[in-house]
Amino acid sequence: MILPILSGILLAVSMPGPNLGWLAWIALIPLFWALHNKTPKESFKIGFIAGIVYFGALLYWLFTLWEWAGPAIIPGYLVLIAYLALYWGAFGAGASWLSARLPRWALIVAIPAFWVILEFIRSQTRFGFPWGQAADALFQQLPFVQVASATGIWGVSFLVVLFNYLIITGLRARQWPYPVFALVMMAGLFAWGSTQINQPVSTETSLNLALVQPNIGQRERSNPTKLNEFLAIYTDLLGEVKALPQKADLVVLPESSLPAFVLEDPTPRDFFSNWTSAAQTHLVLGTFTSSSGGTEIFNSTAYFTPNGPAKETYSKVQLVPFSTEYFPGIQLLNSLGLSTLIPAGSRLGLLTPGRGFFPLKTELGLIATPICFESIFPEVSREFVRNGAELILVVTNDAWFKNSWALDQHFAKGVFRAVENGRYFVQTANSGISGIIDPHGKIQERSSIENRSITTGRVSLLDGETLFTRFGDWFIYLLLIALLMSVVISVLQGARSPSPAS
């Protein structure tokens, strides 16, 4: 079982955080080697073990939640890791089944296709969790990331798995055309992607941004008795913004920037209204909002003009399950008197999802404002852009996870959202990472972690649609068709002996 463990470790350290992205090109070779000539049942175990190691290492940062969840984080962590590892187990079993039935040339497409389809399935529904996709390792290898403008992140994952499989196929069959083809393909994509990166970005409509990172401790930031203390912090930071040599057209504060309903509480509302009026600039911030009857609470973004707060807000749609935002089955547990089984924090913050992915209509332009967790879902940013967004601006609070890989892994998702949609991607975080990413995935600005700071930069408001924005997950459907056709053909032709390349 050393080989699947090795694959899990190699892929984990190739991810954002350790940033050894080049290892992704060889990380799956030990796994493919271990799957050779195994039954589907044996292959499921091999894949499951690799997945346990991979996700166990990748998501170690969940233990930073011990401060709030206590020992309950242990079963939560184990259940999540086991659930995610099931996808790797399914991949192992499926790869074994396909290898016993398809010719080598068909496997070269079918194996990577099956991996990507499983990644896609893992991202779906209200409980989707597209974290740690194979593509994430390449967030700094921008020539290859350009494929995402057509295929979404799925095409980049396909390349990673395809390259690994071509290499192992050549080694197993001792046929060097396979690895040679892999290298030539990568060289061609690198050359094409490099030309894409150097394409100019329109500056016809551009804005100066100031991203305010207050670095307020996670435990204290939800304490409403400290509202005035936090306003004093913002007074100092916004004073720095006002003193910038180049005026900021738009100032951005993080998710749930204050322990208050900013639009309903006159103290913070007047504070920001007076500041935007004096500075003659615009401001977007994260805040809680409520329905007219106060029965529903939303995690929202609000917009202030120089004339005061605008009526329009955006409310988070994709809530984090099993968290302070959303806990499945809470009503049933309450009715049964079993709510004490839920960690205390989760009882305090149940939210209502928003109504749709509609950009804020500001005087500056149409601005998408995904909140925190929403930025990891390709379809969220795509829907915003389909609805007219000219800029993707994420507000988040990652202080829960302190100075861990979680912050790097989250911010790296912005590289793919930018390329997928041909938009600037901006993230403002409470404790980091705040930054600006251009439409080609170049990280132009990046703040340090757990540091109070102002990050400035210039972005353009862009229109137009990439192939991915226009047609969405067409690449997934193409892979699914190719995989199904391969299976149908194999069934019609009858089973064959295991391929030496499996």
Protein backbone atom coordinates (compact mmCIF):
# COMPACT_ATOMS: atom_id res chain seq x y z
CA MET A 1 0.00 0.00 0.00
CA ILE A 2 3.02 2.30 -0.20
CA LEU A 3 2.22 3.41 -3.76
CA PRO A 4 -1.28 4.82 -3.13
CA ILE A 5 -0.02 6.50 0.04
CA LEU A 6 2.80 8.05 -2.00
CA SER A 7 0.33 9.39 -4.58
CA GLY A 8 -1.81 10.93 -1.86
CA ILE A 9 1.20 12.67 -0.34
CA LEU A 10 2.60 13.89 -3.66
CA LEU A 11 -0.68 15.39 -4.80
CA ALA A 12 -1.32 17.01 -1.41
CA VAL A 13 2.02 18.84 -1.38
CA SER A 14 1.53 19.94 -4.98
CA MET A 15 -1.46 22.03 -3.90
CA PRO A 16 -1.55 25.72 -2.91
CA GLY A 17 0.18 26.12 0.42
CA PRO A 18 3.21 23.91 -0.14
CA ASN A 19 3.09 25.14 -3.77
CA LEU A 20 5.05 22.22 -5.25
CA GLY A 21 2.80 22.29 -8.28
CA TRP A 22 5.22 20.53 -10.61
CA LEU A 23 4.68 17.33 -8.59
CA ALA A 24 1.12 17.13 -9.90
CA TRP A 25 2.50 15.96 -13.27
CA ILE A 26 3.83 12.77 -11.66
CA ALA A 27 1.76 12.46 -8.47
CA LEU A 28 -0.74 9.93 -9.84
CA ILE A 29 1.83 7.60 -11.41
CA PRO A 30 2.26 5.51 -8.21
CA LEU A 31 -1.52 5.17 -7.95
CA PHE A 32 -1.85 4.00 -11.55
CA TRP A 33 1.00 1.57 -11.00
CA ALA A 34 -0.74 0.13 -7.92
CA LEU A 35 -4.00 -0.31 -9.85
CA HIS A 36 -2.35 -2.47 -12.51
CA ASN A 37 -4.03 -5.88 -12.97
CA LYS A 38 -6.21 -5.46 -9.88
CA THR A 39 -9.88 -6.35 -9.56
CA PRO A 40 -12.41 -3.52 -9.10
CA LYS A 41 -12.79 -4.47 -5.43
CA GLU A 42 -9.04 -4.35 -4.83
CA SER A 43 -8.78 -1.13 -6.82
CA PHE A 44 -11.50 0.51 -4.75
CA LYS A 45 -9.46 -0.14 -1.60
CA ILE A 46 -6.31 1.21 -3.25
CA GLY A 47 -8.05 4.37 -4.43
CA PHE A 48 -9.78 4.85 -1.09
CA ILE A 49 -6.47 4.65 0.80
CA ALA A 50 -4.89 7.18 -1.57
CA GLY A 51 -7.89 9.47 -1.07
CA ILE A 52 -7.74 9.18 2.71
CA VAL A 53 -4.08 10.22 2.66
CA TYR A 54 -4.66 13.02 0.15
CA PHE A 55 -7.68 14.66 1.76
CA GLY A 56 -6.41 13.94 5.25
CA ALA A 57 -3.27 15.97 4.53
CA LEU A 58 -4.97 18.60 2.36
CA LEU A 59 -7.65 19.44 4.93
CA TYR A 60 -5.55 19.26 8.11
CA TRP A 61 -6.52 22.87 8.72
CA LEU A 62 -10.02 21.81 9.80
CA PHE A 63 -8.48 21.23 13.22
CA THR A 64 -8.09 25.00 13.60
CA LEU A 65 -11.85 24.89 14.28
CA TRP A 66 -11.20 23.00 17.54
CA GLU A 67 -11.38 26.35 19.34
CA TRP A 68 -15.08 26.58 18.45
CA ALA A 69 -16.23 23.01 17.81
CA GLY A 70 -14.09 21.24 20.40
CA PRO A 71 -13.74 17.43 20.15
CA ALA A 72 -16.72 17.36 17.75
CA ILE A 73 -14.30 18.36 15.00
CA ILE A 74 -12.69 14.89 15.13
CA PRO A 75 -15.70 12.87 13.91
CA GLY A 76 -16.58 15.69 11.53
CA TYR A 77 -13.10 15.59 10.01
CA LEU A 78 -13.07 11.80 9.76
CA VAL A 79 -16.50 11.62 8.14
CA LEU A 80 -15.62 14.31 5.60
CA ILE A 81 -12.29 12.69 4.71
CA ALA A 82 -13.92 9.28 4.34
CA TYR A 83 -16.69 10.74 2.18
CA LEU A 84 -14.24 12.50 -0.14
CA ALA A 85 -12.03 9.41 -0.32
CA LEU A 86 -15.01 7.45 -1.66
CA TYR A 87 -14.59 9.35 -4.93
CA TRP A 88 -11.01 8.14 -5.19
CA GLY A 89 -12.17 4.63 -4.35
CA ALA A 90 -14.82 4.86 -7.06
CA PHE A 91 -12.15 6.06 -9.47
CA GLY A 92 -9.95 3.07 -8.66
CA ALA A 93 -12.79 0.60 -9.14
CA GLY A 94 -13.95 2.28 -12.34
CA ALA A 95 -10.45 2.49 -13.78
CA SER A 96 -9.98 -1.23 -13.11
CA TRP A 97 -13.30 -2.09 -14.76
CA LEU A 98 -12.52 0.05 -17.81
CA SER A 99 -8.99 -1.33 -18.12
CA ALA A 100 -10.35 -4.86 -18.40
CA ARG A 101 -12.62 -3.89 -21.28
CA LEU A 102 -11.16 -1.06 -23.35
CA PRO A 103 -8.20 -0.94 -25.72
CA ARG A 104 -5.23 1.15 -24.68
CA TRP A 105 -6.06 4.03 -27.03
CA ALA A 106 -9.57 4.33 -25.56
CA LEU A 107 -8.27 4.24 -21.99
CA ILE A 108 -6.13 7.30 -22.68
CA VAL A 109 -9.37 9.30 -22.89
CA ALA A 110 -11.62 7.22 -20.64
CA ILE A 111 -9.43 7.21 -17.51
CA PRO A 112 -8.90 11.01 -17.30
CA ALA A 113 -12.54 11.54 -18.30
CA PHE A 114 -13.75 9.36 -15.44
CA TRP A 115 -11.58 11.26 -12.94
CA VAL A 116 -12.92 14.64 -14.08
CA ILE A 117 -16.54 13.46 -14.09
CA LEU A 118 -16.10 12.37 -10.47
CA GLU A 119 -14.64 15.79 -9.61
CA PHE A 120 -17.67 17.38 -11.25
CA ILE A 121 -20.10 15.19 -9.29
CA ARG A 122 -18.28 16.10 -6.07
CA SER A 123 -18.95 19.78 -6.77
CA GLN A 124 -22.70 19.46 -7.26
CA THR A 125 -25.74 20.03 -5.02
CA ARG A 126 -26.04 22.04 -1.85
CA PHE A 127 -23.46 19.78 -0.22
CA GLY A 128 -20.91 20.10 -3.04
CA PHE A 129 -17.26 20.51 -2.06
CA PRO A 130 -14.98 21.14 -5.07
CA TRP A 131 -11.87 21.55 -2.91
CA GLY A 132 -8.55 20.01 -3.88
CA GLN A 133 -9.24 19.44 -7.56
CA ALA A 134 -6.25 18.19 -9.54
CA ALA A 135 -6.19 21.47 -11.45
CA ASP A 136 -5.63 23.50 -8.28
CA ALA A 137 -1.97 22.45 -8.26
CA LEU A 138 -1.40 24.40 -11.48
CA PHE A 139 -2.59 27.81 -10.27
CA GLN A 140 0.92 29.20 -10.80
CA GLN A 141 1.44 27.43 -14.16
CA LEU A 142 -0.64 29.95 -16.07
CA PRO A 143 -0.03 28.80 -19.67
CA PHE A 144 -1.86 25.56 -18.87
CA VAL A 145 -4.58 27.34 -16.90
CA GLN A 146 -5.65 29.25 -20.05
CA VAL A 147 -7.50 26.11 -21.15
CA ALA A 148 -10.06 26.98 -18.46
CA SER A 149 -11.39 29.86 -20.59
CA ALA A 150 -12.92 27.18 -22.82
CA THR A 151 -13.41 24.13 -20.60
CA GLY A 152 -13.54 25.57 -17.12
CA ILE A 153 -11.33 24.13 -14.41
CA TRP A 154 -12.37 20.66 -15.61
CA GLY A 155 -10.12 20.84 -18.67
CA VAL A 156 -7.09 21.64 -16.52
CA SER A 157 -7.76 18.64 -14.27
CA PHE A 158 -8.13 16.52 -17.41
CA LEU A 159 -4.65 17.61 -18.56
CA VAL A 160 -3.06 16.67 -15.24
CA VAL A 161 -4.57 13.17 -15.17
CA LEU A 162 -3.99 12.63 -18.90
CA PHE A 163 -0.29 13.45 -18.60
CA ASN A 164 0.14 11.08 -15.65
CA TYR A 165 -1.69 8.32 -17.49
CA LEU A 166 0.30 8.75 -20.69
CA ILE A 167 3.54 8.46 -18.74
CA ILE A 168 2.49 5.29 -16.89
CA THR A 169 1.14 3.82 -20.13
CA GLY A 170 4.50 4.30 -21.79
CA LEU A 171 6.35 2.83 -18.83
CA ARG A 172 4.07 -0.19 -18.56
CA ALA A 173 3.95 -0.95 -22.28
CA ARG A 174 7.56 0.17 -22.88
CA GLN A 175 6.29 2.23 -25.78
CA TRP A 176 7.92 5.65 -25.77
CA PRO A 177 5.48 7.34 -28.17
CA TYR A 178 3.10 7.76 -25.21
CA PRO A 179 5.37 9.90 -23.02
CA VAL A 180 6.74 11.66 -26.11
CA PHE A 181 3.19 12.56 -27.12
CA ALA A 182 2.55 13.79 -23.57
CA LEU A 183 5.58 16.07 -23.68
CA VAL A 184 4.79 17.39 -27.16
CA MET A 185 1.18 18.05 -26.13
CA MET A 186 2.28 19.93 -23.03
CA ALA A 187 4.82 21.95 -25.02
CA GLY A 188 2.14 22.94 -27.52
CA LEU A 189 -0.30 23.95 -24.80
CA PHE A 190 2.43 25.87 -22.98
CA ALA A 191 3.25 27.81 -26.15
CA TRP A 192 -0.41 28.55 -26.87
CA GLY A 193 -1.12 29.52 -23.27
CA SER A 194 1.89 31.83 -23.18
CA THR A 195 0.53 33.77 -26.15
CA GLN A 196 -2.85 34.05 -24.42
CA ILE A 197 -1.28 35.45 -21.26
CA ASN A 198 0.41 38.19 -23.28
CA GLN A 199 -2.84 39.36 -24.87
CA PRO A 200 -3.60 42.93 -23.72
CA VAL A 201 -6.50 43.56 -21.35
CA SER A 202 -8.82 46.46 -22.12
CA THR A 203 -8.35 49.49 -19.88
CA GLU A 204 -11.24 51.47 -21.34
CA THR A 205 -13.18 51.39 -18.06
CA SER A 206 -10.86 50.99 -15.10
CA LEU A 207 -11.04 51.55 -11.36
CA ASN A 208 -8.59 52.12 -8.54
CA LEU A 209 -9.35 49.72 -5.69
CA ALA A 210 -8.49 49.75 -2.01
CA LEU A 211 -8.99 46.44 -0.21
CA VAL A 212 -9.27 46.88 3.55
CA GLN A 213 -7.99 43.94 5.62
CA PRO A 214 -8.80 44.72 9.29
CA ASN A 215 -7.40 41.46 10.76
CA ILE A 216 -9.91 41.34 13.61
CA GLY A 217 -9.64 38.16 15.69
CA GLN A 218 -12.26 35.53 14.92
CA ARG A 219 -13.44 35.14 18.50
CA GLU A 220 -13.89 38.85 19.16
CA ARG A 221 -15.21 39.95 15.76
CA SER A 222 -18.71 38.58 16.47
CA ASN A 223 -18.99 40.43 19.79
CA PRO A 224 -21.49 43.31 19.36
CA THR A 225 -20.23 45.05 22.50
CA LYS A 226 -16.99 45.78 20.63
CA LEU A 227 -18.70 47.61 17.76
CA ASN A 228 -17.17 50.99 18.66
CA GLU A 229 -13.73 49.40 19.01
CA PHE A 230 -14.02 47.94 15.51
CA LEU A 231 -15.29 51.23 14.10
CA ALA A 232 -12.14 52.84 15.51
CA ILE A 233 -10.05 50.28 13.61
CA TYR A 234 -11.92 51.12 10.41
CA THR A 235 -11.49 54.83 11.12
CA ASP A 236 -7.71 54.37 11.06
CA LEU A 237 -7.73 52.10 7.99
CA LEU A 238 -10.12 54.29 6.01
CA GLY A 239 -7.99 57.26 6.99
CA GLU A 240 -5.08 55.50 5.26
CA VAL A 241 -7.28 54.92 2.23
CA LYS A 242 -8.23 58.59 2.08
CA ALA A 243 -4.55 59.54 2.26
CA LEU A 244 -3.54 57.34 -0.69
CA PRO A 245 -1.68 59.27 -3.41
CA GLN A 246 -4.17 57.98 -5.98
CA LYS A 247 -7.83 58.23 -5.02
CA ALA A 248 -9.63 54.90 -4.64
CA ASP A 249 -12.74 54.67 -6.81
CA LEU A 250 -13.98 51.67 -4.85
CA VAL A 251 -13.15 50.60 -1.30
CA VAL A 252 -13.91 47.03 -0.22
CA LEU A 253 -14.34 45.63 3.29
CA PRO A 254 -14.53 41.89 4.08
CA GLU A 255 -17.40 39.52 4.79
CA SER A 256 -19.47 40.33 7.92
CA SER A 257 -17.23 43.33 8.47
CA LEU A 258 -18.94 44.27 11.74
CA PRO A 259 -21.02 42.43 14.38
CA ALA A 260 -24.07 44.42 13.31
CA PHE A 261 -26.75 44.76 10.68
CA VAL A 262 -24.96 47.66 9.03
CA LEU A 263 -27.89 48.83 6.89
CA GLU A 264 -30.32 48.67 9.82
CA ASP A 265 -28.15 49.90 12.69
CA PRO A 266 -27.79 53.70 12.45
CA THR A 267 -24.35 53.77 14.10
CA PRO A 268 -22.38 51.80 11.46
CA ARG A 269 -24.68 52.93 8.64
CA ASP A 270 -24.05 56.60 9.39
CA PHE A 271 -20.35 55.91 9.92
CA PHE A 272 -19.91 54.53 6.39
CA SER A 273 -22.32 57.03 4.83
CA ASN A 274 -20.41 59.94 6.30
CA TRP A 275 -17.08 58.48 5.21
CA THR A 276 -18.09 57.82 1.58
CA SER A 277 -19.62 61.30 1.43
CA ALA A 278 -16.47 62.95 2.76
CA ALA A 279 -14.18 60.84 0.56
CA GLN A 280 -16.51 61.08 -2.46
CA THR A 281 -15.98 57.44 -3.26
CA HIS A 282 -17.84 54.12 -3.30
CA LEU A 283 -17.70 51.24 -0.84
CA VAL A 284 -18.75 47.57 -0.79
CA LEU A 285 -18.81 45.60 2.45
CA GLY A 286 -20.06 42.35 3.90
CA THR A 287 -22.85 42.51 6.45
CA PHE A 288 -25.84 40.63 7.77
CA THR A 289 -29.25 41.70 6.53
CA SER A 290 -32.74 40.57 7.48
CA SER A 291 -36.14 40.24 5.85
CA SER A 292 -38.77 42.90 6.48
CA GLY A 293 -40.32 40.82 9.24
CA GLY A 294 -36.95 39.89 10.70
CA THR A 295 -37.70 36.19 10.36
CA GLU A 296 -34.89 35.55 7.89
CA ILE A 297 -31.23 36.48 8.21
CA PHE A 298 -28.89 36.67 5.22
CA ASN A 299 -25.13 36.87 4.72
CA SER A 300 -24.97 39.82 2.33
CA THR A 301 -22.94 42.47 0.59
CA ALA A 302 -24.02 46.11 0.73
CA TYR A 303 -23.04 49.08 -1.40
CA PHE A 304 -22.51 52.70 -0.33
CA THR A 305 -22.33 55.62 -2.77
CA PRO A 306 -21.13 59.13 -1.91
CA ASN A 307 -24.82 59.84 -1.24
CA GLY A 308 -25.30 57.00 1.23
CA PRO A 309 -26.31 53.33 1.21
CA ALA A 310 -27.95 51.87 -1.87
CA LYS A 311 -31.06 49.73 -1.47
CA GLU A 312 -29.71 46.87 -3.53
CA THR A 313 -27.82 44.05 -1.82
CA TYR A 314 -26.63 40.57 -2.72
CA SER A 315 -27.24 37.67 -0.32
CA LYS A 316 -25.18 34.50 -0.29
CA VAL A 317 -26.89 31.60 -2.04
CA GLN A 318 -24.43 28.71 -1.54
CA LEU A 319 -24.32 28.44 2.25
CA VAL A 320 -21.67 26.34 3.98
CA PRO A 321 -23.33 23.13 5.21
CA PHE A 322 -22.78 21.88 8.78
CA SER A 323 -21.58 25.32 9.84
CA THR A 324 -22.75 28.51 11.50
CA GLU A 325 -24.58 29.28 8.25
CA TYR A 326 -26.55 26.14 7.53
CA PHE A 327 -27.12 22.91 9.42
CA PRO A 328 -29.21 20.28 7.59
CA GLY A 329 -32.05 18.80 9.62
CA ILE A 330 -31.89 21.41 12.39
CA GLN A 331 -35.69 21.76 12.46
CA LEU A 332 -36.15 18.01 12.85
CA LEU A 333 -33.58 17.83 15.66
CA ASN A 334 -35.21 20.75 17.45
CA SER A 335 -38.62 19.10 17.22
CA LEU A 336 -37.18 15.91 18.70
CA GLY A 337 -35.38 17.78 21.46
CA LEU A 338 -32.00 16.68 20.12
CA SER A 339 -30.52 20.08 19.23
CA THR A 340 -27.89 19.64 21.96
CA LEU A 341 -26.19 17.15 19.64
CA ILE A 342 -25.17 20.06 17.42
CA PRO A 343 -22.06 22.14 18.29
CA ALA A 344 -23.11 25.34 20.04
CA GLY A 345 -21.83 27.66 17.30
CA SER A 346 -24.04 26.02 14.73
CA ARG A 347 -27.17 26.76 16.75
CA LEU A 348 -26.47 30.45 16.74
CA GLY A 349 -26.03 31.34 13.09
CA LEU A 350 -28.58 29.66 10.87
CA LEU A 351 -29.02 31.71 7.71
CA THR A 352 -31.38 31.83 4.76
CA PRO A 353 -29.93 31.48 1.24
CA GLY A 354 -30.29 34.35 -1.21
CA ARG A 355 -32.50 34.31 -4.29
CA GLY A 356 -29.97 34.19 -7.11
CA PHE A 357 -26.56 35.22 -8.46
CA PHE A 358 -27.28 38.80 -9.46
CA PRO A 359 -24.49 41.42 -9.54
CA LEU A 360 -24.73 44.67 -7.61
CA LYS A 361 -25.86 47.49 -9.89
CA THR A 362 -23.44 50.19 -8.83
CA GLU A 363 -22.77 53.61 -10.31
CA LEU A 364 -19.39 52.23 -11.36
CA GLY A 365 -20.71 49.13 -13.14
CA LEU A 366 -22.13 45.67 -12.53
CA ILE A 367 -20.13 43.93 -9.81
CA ALA A 368 -20.42 40.26 -8.82
CA THR A 369 -19.95 39.78 -5.09
CA PRO A 370 -19.65 36.06 -4.28
CA ILE A 371 -19.25 35.57 -0.56
CA CYS A 372 -16.50 33.35 0.90
CA PHE A 373 -17.16 29.67 0.08
CA GLU A 374 -19.03 30.62 -3.12
CA SER A 375 -15.80 31.43 -4.95
CA ILE A 376 -14.81 27.75 -5.08
CA PHE A 377 -17.80 26.90 -7.29
CA PRO A 378 -17.25 27.56 -11.02
CA GLU A 379 -20.96 27.90 -11.74
CA VAL A 380 -21.44 30.69 -9.18
CA SER A 381 -19.05 33.16 -10.84
CA ARG A 382 -20.24 32.02 -14.26
CA GLU A 383 -23.88 32.79 -13.38
CA PHE A 384 -22.87 36.23 -12.10
CA VAL A 385 -21.08 36.98 -15.38
CA ARG A 386 -23.95 35.58 -17.43
CA ASN A 387 -26.11 38.08 -15.56
CA GLY A 388 -23.88 40.94 -16.67
CA ALA A 389 -21.11 41.17 -14.05
CA GLU A 390 -18.07 43.13 -15.27
CA LEU A 391 -15.92 42.38 -12.21
CA ILE A 392 -15.79 39.48 -9.73
CA LEU A 393 -15.30 40.79 -6.20
CA VAL A 394 -15.23 38.26 -3.34
CA VAL A 395 -15.59 39.24 0.30
CA THR A 396 -14.56 36.59 2.79
CA ASN A 397 -13.53 35.86 6.34
CA ASP A 398 -10.94 33.09 6.50
CA ALA A 399 -9.74 34.00 9.99
CA TRP A 400 -11.34 30.75 11.21
CA PHE A 401 -8.39 28.90 9.69
CA LYS A 402 -5.60 31.16 10.95
CA ASN A 403 -2.31 30.99 9.02
CA SER A 404 -2.94 27.63 7.33
CA TRP A 405 -2.98 26.19 3.82
CA ALA A 406 -6.73 26.87 3.73
CA LEU A 407 -6.12 30.53 2.93
CA ASP A 408 -3.79 29.73 0.04
CA GLN A 409 -6.10 27.04 -1.30
CA HIS A 410 -9.08 29.41 -1.19
CA PHE A 411 -7.32 32.34 -2.87
CA ALA A 412 -5.90 30.10 -5.62
CA LYS A 413 -9.45 29.32 -6.74
CA GLY A 414 -9.63 32.92 -7.92
CA VAL A 415 -7.05 32.21 -10.62
CA PHE A 416 -9.47 29.78 -12.27
CA ARG A 417 -12.55 31.97 -11.80
CA ALA A 418 -10.72 34.85 -13.51
CA VAL A 419 -9.61 32.79 -16.52
CA GLU A 420 -12.90 30.91 -16.84
CA ASN A 421 -14.85 34.14 -17.24
CA GLY A 422 -12.33 36.63 -18.63
CA ARG A 423 -12.79 38.96 -15.66
CA TYR A 424 -10.64 40.54 -13.00
CA PHE A 425 -10.99 38.64 -9.74
CA VAL A 426 -10.67 40.56 -6.48
CA GLN A 427 -10.76 39.13 -2.96
CA THR A 428 -10.96 41.07 0.28
CA ALA A 429 -10.47 39.05 3.45
CA ASN A 430 -10.59 39.83 7.15
CA SER A 431 -7.16 38.36 7.90
CA GLY A 432 -5.95 37.49 4.39
CA ILE A 433 -5.54 36.69 1.66
CA SER A 434 -6.67 39.88 -0.07
CA GLY A 435 -5.57 40.38 -3.63
CA ILE A 436 -6.18 41.12 -7.29
CA ILE A 437 -5.96 38.62 -10.16
CA ASP A 438 -6.14 39.65 -13.81
CA PRO A 439 -8.27 37.87 -16.47
CA HIS A 440 -5.30 35.68 -17.46
CA GLY A 441 -4.83 34.45 -13.89
CA LYS A 442 -1.82 36.62 -13.00
CA ILE A 443 -1.79 37.50 -9.31
CA GLN A 444 -1.12 41.24 -9.44
CA GLU A 445 -1.50 42.00 -5.74
CA ARG A 446 -1.50 39.74 -2.70
CA SER A 447 -1.61 40.70 0.96
CA SER A 448 0.19 38.95 3.76
CA ILE A 449 -1.73 36.78 6.22
CA GLU A 450 -2.82 37.87 9.70
CA ASN A 451 -1.77 41.43 9.03
CA ARG A 452 -3.79 44.67 9.13
CA SER A 453 -3.29 46.26 5.74
CA ILE A 454 -4.58 48.11 2.69
CA THR A 455 -4.06 46.44 -0.69
CA THR A 456 -4.36 48.72 -3.70
CA GLY A 457 -4.49 48.07 -7.41
CA ARG A 458 -6.17 48.91 -10.67
CA VAL A 459 -8.74 46.73 -12.44
CA SER A 460 -10.83 47.00 -15.59
CA LEU A 461 -14.55 46.43 -15.92
CA LEU A 462 -14.88 43.96 -18.79
CA ASP A 463 -17.67 42.56 -20.92
CA GLY A 464 -17.85 39.73 -23.43
CA GLU A 465 -18.07 36.01 -22.75
CA THR A 466 -15.53 33.23 -22.83
CA LEU A 467 -16.49 29.85 -24.25
CA PHE A 468 -16.93 28.57 -20.70
CA THR A 469 -19.09 31.50 -19.66
CA ARG A 470 -21.35 31.05 -22.67
CA PHE A 471 -21.68 27.26 -22.73
CA GLY A 472 -20.82 26.24 -19.17
CA ASP A 473 -20.00 22.60 -18.53
CA TRP A 474 -20.06 21.46 -22.17
CA PHE A 475 -16.67 19.79 -21.66
CA ILE A 476 -18.10 17.58 -18.90
CA TYR A 477 -20.92 16.48 -21.19
CA LEU A 478 -18.41 15.75 -23.95
CA LEU A 479 -16.36 13.60 -21.57
CA LEU A 480 -19.49 11.83 -20.38
CA ILE A 481 -20.53 11.04 -23.96
CA ALA A 482 -17.03 9.75 -24.78
CA LEU A 483 -16.99 7.60 -21.65
CA LEU A 484 -20.45 6.15 -22.28
CA MET A 485 -19.61 5.41 -25.91
CA SER A 486 -16.47 3.59 -24.79
CA VAL A 487 -18.47 1.49 -22.34
CA VAL A 488 -21.15 0.67 -24.92
CA ILE A 489 -18.55 -0.37 -27.47
CA SER A 490 -16.76 -2.52 -24.90
CA VAL A 491 -19.99 -4.27 -23.94
CA LEU A 492 -20.79 -4.95 -27.59
CA GLN A 493 -17.31 -6.31 -28.23
CA GLY A 494 -17.18 -8.39 -25.04
CA ALA A 495 -14.68 -8.36 -22.20
CA ARG A 496 -10.99 -8.53 -22.89
CA SER A 497 -7.96 -9.25 -20.73
CA PRO A 498 -6.62 -6.43 -18.54
CA SER A 499 -4.60 -3.84 -20.42
CA PRO A 500 -0.90 -3.72 -19.54
CA ALA A 501 -1.27 0.05 -19.40
CA SER A 502 -3.83 0.06 -16.59
